[in-house]
Amino acid sequence: MKKNFRFCILFILIFLFNTLIAKAEREVKKEDIELKNGIIYFKGEENSYNGIVKENYPNGKLKENLIVVNGKVNGNVKVYYENGNLKYDTSYKNNKKNGIEKIYSPDGKLEMEVPYKNGVKDGVQKQYSKDGKLIVEATLKNNLRNGSYKDYFENGKIENEGMYKDDKEEGIHKEYYSNGKIKKEVEFKAGIPNGIAREYNEKGIKEKETSFKDGIEDGIRKNFYKNGNLKYSVEMKNGVENGAFKQYYENGVLEIEAFYKNGKLEGIRKDYYKSGKLEVEGFHKNGEPDGWTYVYNEDGSLKREIFFVEGKAYEKDNKKK
């Protein structure tokens, strides 16, 4: 009696095992399945499909291969180019991408790795060059760039780096030369320049510096000589010159000092010799010389006196220049 009972149990287990194997090994073409409310069915059947689904190119080569369990895509899904090389290799769980999706070029080289969690891009996405070197590395969350971002030159050195929040630049972003020296750095807020921006030459010496407010230049703009000395500085407001302007010779001696209003010269402008002695002094109005302008010799003696009226210049003896 016990032997018969054991035999029956064994028979049932073998039957169930063979049934599961049969389901797992069942293979159909993609055109023979249909999707209802997110569940995959073999056409004409009421129960959800279990097994393998394949799609082929007209030449008979495999195009796509996926595994379906209880009507949902589970496991690795592989998509191929017509030449037979792998195009996509993606892991699924209950119809949603889960894990690292690998994307390949037609010649079989890895182009990109995309991280997924429950169907959403989440993690570090990587992109590769044709020779297999890492060229882009971006942290993703909720399908958007959220976190650190870096891209690289072919020599492996960083070209750009910064942080993102909801796919917009946040904080200081840096750009580099291929020799590793910094080229540019800009401070961002919600994807818009806000704060200090600087530019450098290939030797790492600062060339320009300015300030932004809500994407518009606002603050002190500075330009520098190759030796690092200040070339000029000017106050900026709402993207135009507004305030004091000073320009220097390469040796650091003051060359010009003036004042701007709404992008135009306003008030007294002074020009100096390299010795620091005053060379020219004149008044400006709405960007044009206005009134008396005095020109001096380097020893301080008066050289010329010019009077400006509506853009026209007259010498002191009232003869038109």
Protein backbone atom coordinates (compact mmCIF):
# COMPACT_ATOMS: atom_id res chain seq x y z
CA MET A 1 0.00 0.00 0.00
CA LYS A 2 2.80 2.39 0.98
CA LYS A 3 4.67 1.46 -2.20
CA ASN A 4 1.63 2.33 -4.34
CA PHE A 5 1.24 5.67 -2.55
CA ARG A 6 4.90 6.55 -3.08
CA PHE A 7 4.60 5.54 -6.72
CA CYS A 8 1.60 7.88 -7.17
CA ILE A 9 3.42 10.81 -5.56
CA LEU A 10 6.48 10.19 -7.73
CA PHE A 11 4.30 9.99 -10.84
CA ILE A 12 2.61 13.32 -10.01
CA LEU A 13 5.94 15.05 -9.39
CA ILE A 14 7.36 13.74 -12.66
CA PHE A 15 4.22 14.90 -14.48
CA LEU A 16 4.42 18.42 -12.99
CA PHE A 17 8.14 18.67 -13.71
CA ASN A 18 7.65 17.60 -17.32
CA THR A 19 4.79 20.09 -17.67
CA LEU A 20 6.97 22.95 -16.41
CA ILE A 21 9.81 21.91 -18.69
CA ALA A 22 7.41 21.76 -21.61
CA LYS A 23 6.15 25.26 -20.81
CA ALA A 24 9.65 26.63 -20.43
CA GLU A 25 10.77 25.06 -23.70
CA ARG A 26 7.72 26.16 -25.65
CA GLU A 27 8.76 28.44 -28.45
CA VAL A 28 6.58 30.70 -30.61
CA LYS A 29 7.02 33.50 -33.11
CA LYS A 30 6.42 37.09 -32.07
CA GLU A 31 3.58 37.49 -34.56
CA ASP A 32 1.72 34.64 -32.81
CA ILE A 33 1.40 36.44 -29.47
CA GLU A 34 -0.78 39.31 -28.31
CA LEU A 35 -0.76 41.70 -25.36
CA LYS A 36 -3.85 42.19 -23.18
CA ASN A 37 -3.71 44.47 -20.13
CA GLY A 38 0.04 44.04 -19.90
CA ILE A 39 -0.15 40.23 -20.11
CA ILE A 40 1.21 38.20 -23.03
CA TYR A 41 -1.02 35.50 -24.55
CA PHE A 42 -0.60 33.08 -27.38
CA LYS A 43 -3.29 34.00 -29.87
CA GLY A 44 -6.44 31.97 -29.31
CA GLU A 45 -5.47 30.83 -25.79
CA GLU A 46 -7.03 31.99 -22.53
CA ASN A 47 -4.12 31.26 -20.23
CA SER A 48 -1.11 33.59 -20.08
CA TYR A 49 1.84 32.48 -22.15
CA ASN A 50 4.91 30.71 -20.75
CA GLY A 51 7.94 30.06 -22.90
CA ILE A 52 10.24 31.61 -25.45
CA VAL A 53 9.28 34.23 -28.03
CA LYS A 54 11.44 34.75 -31.09
CA GLU A 55 11.44 37.12 -34.03
CA ASN A 56 13.52 36.63 -37.17
CA TYR A 57 14.73 38.85 -40.00
CA PRO A 58 13.48 38.10 -43.56
CA ASN A 59 16.78 36.31 -44.17
CA GLY A 60 15.95 33.93 -41.32
CA LYS A 61 18.50 35.26 -38.86
CA LEU A 62 17.40 35.80 -35.28
CA LYS A 63 16.29 39.36 -34.50
CA GLU A 64 14.94 39.07 -30.94
CA ASN A 65 14.75 36.43 -28.24
CA LEU A 66 12.82 36.81 -24.98
CA ILE A 67 11.56 34.61 -22.14
CA VAL A 68 7.97 34.91 -20.89
CA VAL A 69 6.83 33.62 -17.48
CA ASN A 70 3.15 33.87 -16.53
CA GLY A 71 2.53 36.29 -19.37
CA LYS A 72 5.32 38.70 -18.49
CA VAL A 73 8.80 39.20 -19.88
CA ASN A 74 11.38 37.90 -17.41
CA GLY A 75 15.09 37.29 -17.71
CA ASN A 76 17.45 38.39 -20.46
CA VAL A 77 16.03 39.83 -23.67
CA LYS A 78 18.45 39.84 -26.57
CA VAL A 79 18.06 41.80 -29.78
CA TYR A 80 20.41 41.22 -32.73
CA TYR A 81 21.54 43.10 -35.82
CA GLU A 82 20.82 41.52 -39.18
CA ASN A 83 24.49 40.56 -39.41
CA GLY A 84 24.01 38.39 -36.32
CA ASN A 85 25.84 40.60 -33.84
CA LEU A 86 24.19 41.43 -30.53
CA LYS A 87 22.47 44.85 -30.42
CA TYR A 88 20.78 44.92 -26.98
CA ASP A 89 21.15 42.71 -23.93
CA THR A 90 18.57 43.66 -21.33
CA SER A 91 17.39 42.05 -18.11
CA TYR A 92 13.63 42.15 -17.40
CA LYS A 93 11.49 41.45 -14.37
CA ASN A 94 7.71 41.34 -14.83
CA ASN A 95 7.79 43.32 -18.10
CA LYS A 96 10.11 46.01 -16.72
CA LYS A 97 13.79 46.55 -17.35
CA ASN A 98 15.79 45.65 -14.27
CA GLY A 99 19.56 45.71 -14.16
CA ILE A 100 22.19 46.85 -16.66
CA GLU A 101 21.12 47.17 -20.29
CA LYS A 102 24.04 46.75 -22.67
CA ILE A 103 23.95 48.37 -26.09
CA TYR A 104 26.35 47.31 -28.86
CA SER A 105 27.45 48.71 -32.21
CA PRO A 106 26.86 46.74 -35.45
CA ASP A 107 30.47 45.51 -35.29
CA GLY A 108 29.87 44.06 -31.82
CA LYS A 109 31.56 46.66 -29.63
CA LEU A 110 29.98 47.81 -26.37
CA GLU A 111 28.64 51.37 -26.77
CA MET A 112 26.63 51.98 -23.62
CA GLU A 113 25.58 50.54 -20.28
CA VAL A 114 22.25 51.83 -18.95
CA PRO A 115 21.13 50.99 -15.39
CA TYR A 116 17.45 50.27 -14.67
CA LYS A 117 15.40 49.69 -11.53
CA ASN A 118 11.80 48.62 -11.99
CA GLY A 119 11.67 50.08 -15.51
CA VAL A 120 13.25 53.43 -14.60
CA LYS A 121 16.81 54.57 -15.34
CA ASP A 122 18.60 54.58 -12.00
CA GLY A 123 22.33 54.36 -11.38
CA VAL A 124 25.51 55.17 -13.30
CA GLN A 125 25.16 55.21 -17.09
CA LYS A 126 28.34 54.68 -19.10
CA GLN A 127 29.17 55.37 -22.74
CA TYR A 128 32.22 54.03 -24.58
CA SER A 129 34.27 55.03 -27.61
CA LYS A 130 34.85 52.77 -30.61
CA ASP A 131 38.06 51.50 -29.05
CA GLY A 132 36.33 50.67 -25.77
CA LYS A 133 37.39 53.64 -23.67
CA LEU A 134 34.99 55.28 -21.25
CA ILE A 135 33.86 58.67 -22.63
CA VAL A 136 30.73 59.53 -20.59
CA GLU A 137 29.74 58.66 -17.04
CA ALA A 138 26.46 60.04 -15.65
CA THR A 139 24.46 59.32 -12.50
CA LEU A 140 20.74 58.87 -13.25
CA LYS A 141 17.64 58.84 -11.08
CA ASN A 142 14.03 58.76 -12.28
CA ASN A 143 15.25 58.76 -15.92
CA LEU A 144 17.07 62.09 -15.40
CA ARG A 145 20.64 63.12 -14.68
CA ASN A 146 20.82 63.44 -10.91
CA GLY A 147 24.26 63.49 -9.37
CA SER A 148 27.78 63.53 -10.79
CA TYR A 149 28.54 63.78 -14.52
CA LYS A 150 31.87 63.30 -16.29
CA ASP A 151 32.97 62.98 -19.89
CA TYR A 152 36.46 62.16 -21.09
CA PHE A 153 39.00 62.78 -23.83
CA GLU A 154 40.33 59.80 -25.78
CA ASN A 155 43.47 59.96 -23.64
CA GLY A 156 41.35 59.20 -20.56
CA LYS A 157 41.58 62.66 -19.00
CA ILE A 158 38.40 64.42 -17.89
CA GLU A 159 36.97 66.93 -20.39
CA ASN A 160 33.87 68.06 -18.45
CA GLU A 161 32.60 67.40 -14.94
CA GLY A 162 29.84 68.68 -12.69
CA MET A 163 26.65 67.89 -10.82
CA TYR A 164 23.08 67.68 -12.11
CA LYS A 165 19.72 67.96 -10.39
CA ASP A 166 16.65 66.87 -12.35
CA ASP A 167 18.67 67.03 -15.60
CA LYS A 168 19.87 70.60 -14.97
CA GLU A 169 23.36 71.78 -14.08
CA GLU A 170 23.82 72.50 -10.38
CA GLY A 171 26.89 73.86 -8.63
CA ILE A 172 30.30 74.36 -10.23
CA HIS A 173 30.86 72.80 -13.67
CA LYS A 174 34.39 72.48 -14.99
CA GLU A 175 35.83 72.06 -18.48
CA TYR A 176 39.44 70.95 -19.07
CA TYR A 177 42.07 70.96 -21.79
CA SER A 178 43.34 67.58 -23.01
CA ASN A 179 46.53 68.16 -21.00
CA GLY A 180 44.48 68.11 -17.79
CA LYS A 181 44.65 71.86 -17.13
CA ILE A 182 41.37 73.58 -16.31
CA LYS A 183 39.82 75.55 -19.19
CA LYS A 184 36.60 76.93 -17.73
CA GLU A 185 34.55 76.81 -14.54
CA VAL A 186 31.00 78.12 -14.18
CA GLU A 187 28.65 78.07 -11.21
CA PHE A 188 25.06 76.99 -11.99
CA LYS A 189 21.70 76.99 -10.26
CA ALA A 190 18.80 75.07 -11.83
CA GLY A 191 20.62 74.96 -15.19
CA ILE A 192 21.33 78.71 -15.31
CA PRO A 193 24.71 80.40 -14.67
CA ASN A 194 24.63 81.94 -11.20
CA GLY A 195 27.86 83.04 -9.56
CA ILE A 196 31.49 83.20 -10.64
CA ALA A 197 32.65 82.11 -14.11
CA ARG A 198 36.33 81.80 -15.02
CA GLU A 199 38.34 80.92 -18.15
CA TYR A 200 41.99 79.80 -18.31
CA ASN A 201 44.66 79.28 -20.95
CA GLU A 202 46.37 75.91 -21.54
CA LYS A 203 49.04 76.77 -18.99
CA GLY A 204 46.41 77.15 -16.28
CA ILE A 205 46.67 80.96 -16.11
CA LYS A 206 43.36 82.78 -15.70
CA GLU A 207 42.26 84.79 -18.77
CA LYS A 208 38.74 85.93 -17.84
CA GLU A 209 36.56 86.19 -14.78
CA THR A 210 33.00 87.43 -14.44
CA SER A 211 29.82 86.96 -12.43
CA PHE A 212 26.30 85.88 -13.40
CA LYS A 213 22.91 86.42 -11.85
CA ASP A 214 20.02 84.39 -13.29
CA GLY A 215 22.02 83.79 -16.46
CA ILE A 216 22.88 87.47 -17.03
CA GLU A 217 26.32 88.96 -16.50
CA ASP A 218 26.21 90.96 -13.28
CA GLY A 219 29.23 91.97 -11.19
CA ILE A 220 32.90 92.64 -11.98
CA ARG A 221 34.21 91.42 -15.33
CA LYS A 222 37.98 90.97 -15.49
CA ASN A 223 40.40 90.13 -18.31
CA PHE A 224 44.02 89.13 -17.77
CA TYR A 225 47.30 89.12 -19.71
CA LYS A 226 49.17 85.88 -20.40
CA ASN A 227 51.48 86.67 -17.52
CA GLY A 228 48.49 86.67 -15.15
CA ASN A 229 48.38 90.46 -14.61
CA LEU A 230 45.03 92.21 -14.78
CA LYS A 231 44.30 93.72 -18.21
CA TYR A 232 41.01 95.45 -17.40
CA SER A 233 38.07 95.38 -15.02
CA VAL A 234 34.57 96.77 -15.48
CA GLU A 235 31.35 96.69 -13.50
CA MET A 236 28.49 94.86 -15.25
CA LYS A 237 24.77 95.20 -14.60
CA ASN A 238 22.05 93.35 -16.49
CA GLY A 239 24.54 92.25 -19.14
CA VAL A 240 26.00 95.69 -20.00
CA GLU A 241 28.78 97.89 -18.63
CA ASN A 242 27.56 99.98 -15.70
CA GLY A 243 30.14 101.49 -13.38
CA ALA A 244 33.88 101.90 -13.06
CA PHE A 245 36.24 100.78 -15.85
CA LYS A 246 39.99 100.40 -15.44
CA GLN A 247 42.53 99.17 -17.99
CA TYR A 248 46.18 98.38 -17.28
CA TYR A 249 49.43 97.97 -19.17
CA GLU A 250 50.98 94.51 -19.05
CA ASN A 251 53.39 95.70 -16.36
CA GLY A 252 50.46 96.56 -14.07
CA VAL A 253 50.50 100.36 -14.54
CA LEU A 254 47.08 101.99 -14.97
CA GLU A 255 46.39 102.86 -18.65
CA ILE A 256 42.74 104.04 -18.69
CA GLU A 257 40.13 104.84 -16.08
CA ALA A 258 36.56 105.73 -16.97
CA PHE A 259 32.92 105.21 -16.07
CA TYR A 260 30.13 103.48 -17.99
CA LYS A 261 26.38 104.02 -17.88
CA ASN A 262 24.15 101.56 -19.75
CA GLY A 263 27.07 100.40 -21.90
CA LYS A 264 28.27 103.90 -22.86
CA LEU A 265 31.07 106.09 -21.55
CA GLU A 266 29.81 108.72 -19.12
CA GLY A 267 31.77 111.35 -17.19
CA ILE A 268 35.54 111.80 -17.01
CA ARG A 269 37.93 109.46 -18.85
CA LYS A 270 41.65 109.53 -18.14
CA ASP A 271 44.44 107.94 -20.19
CA TYR A 272 47.98 107.45 -18.84
CA TYR A 273 51.49 106.91 -20.21
CA LYS A 274 53.32 103.71 -19.26
CA SER A 275 55.22 105.83 -16.78
CA GLY A 276 51.97 106.49 -14.94
CA LYS A 277 51.84 110.16 -15.99
CA LEU A 278 48.51 111.59 -17.20
CA GLU A 279 48.24 111.72 -21.02
CA VAL A 280 44.58 112.60 -21.82
CA GLU A 281 41.69 113.82 -19.71
CA GLY A 282 38.24 114.48 -21.09
CA PHE A 283 34.53 114.37 -20.41
CA HIS A 284 32.08 111.99 -22.11
CA LYS A 285 28.32 112.08 -22.41
CA ASN A 286 26.21 109.23 -23.78
CA GLY A 287 29.31 107.55 -25.18
CA GLU A 288 30.69 110.63 -27.01
CA PRO A 289 33.37 113.19 -26.05
CA ASP A 290 31.66 116.31 -24.68
CA GLY A 291 33.28 119.58 -23.63
CA TRP A 292 36.99 120.06 -23.00
CA THR A 293 39.59 117.34 -23.52
CA TYR A 294 43.16 118.00 -22.40
CA VAL A 295 46.23 116.28 -23.85
CA TYR A 296 49.52 116.37 -21.90
CA ASN A 297 53.15 115.68 -22.61
CA GLU A 298 54.81 113.05 -20.46
CA ASP A 299 56.53 115.77 -18.45
CA GLY A 300 53.11 117.08 -17.41
CA SER A 301 53.01 120.17 -19.66
CA LEU A 302 49.84 120.86 -21.62
CA LYS A 303 50.08 119.74 -25.25
CA ARG A 304 46.60 120.38 -26.67
CA GLU A 305 43.16 121.57 -25.66
CA ILE A 306 40.20 120.26 -27.65
CA PHE A 307 36.56 121.22 -27.24
CA PHE A 308 33.84 118.76 -28.37
CA VAL A 309 30.32 119.77 -29.38
CA GLU A 310 27.92 117.08 -30.64
CA GLY A 311 30.82 114.90 -31.70
CA LYS A 312 32.73 117.69 -33.48
CA ALA A 313 36.19 118.68 -32.23
CA TYR A 314 37.54 122.26 -32.03
CA GLU A 315 40.98 123.45 -30.98
CA LYS A 316 41.21 126.19 -28.35
CA ASP A 317 41.65 128.86 -31.04
CA ASN A 318 38.10 127.85 -32.21
CA LYS A 319 39.37 126.51 -35.51
CA LYS A 320 37.47 123.38 -36.52
CA LYS A 321 39.67 120.32 -36.34
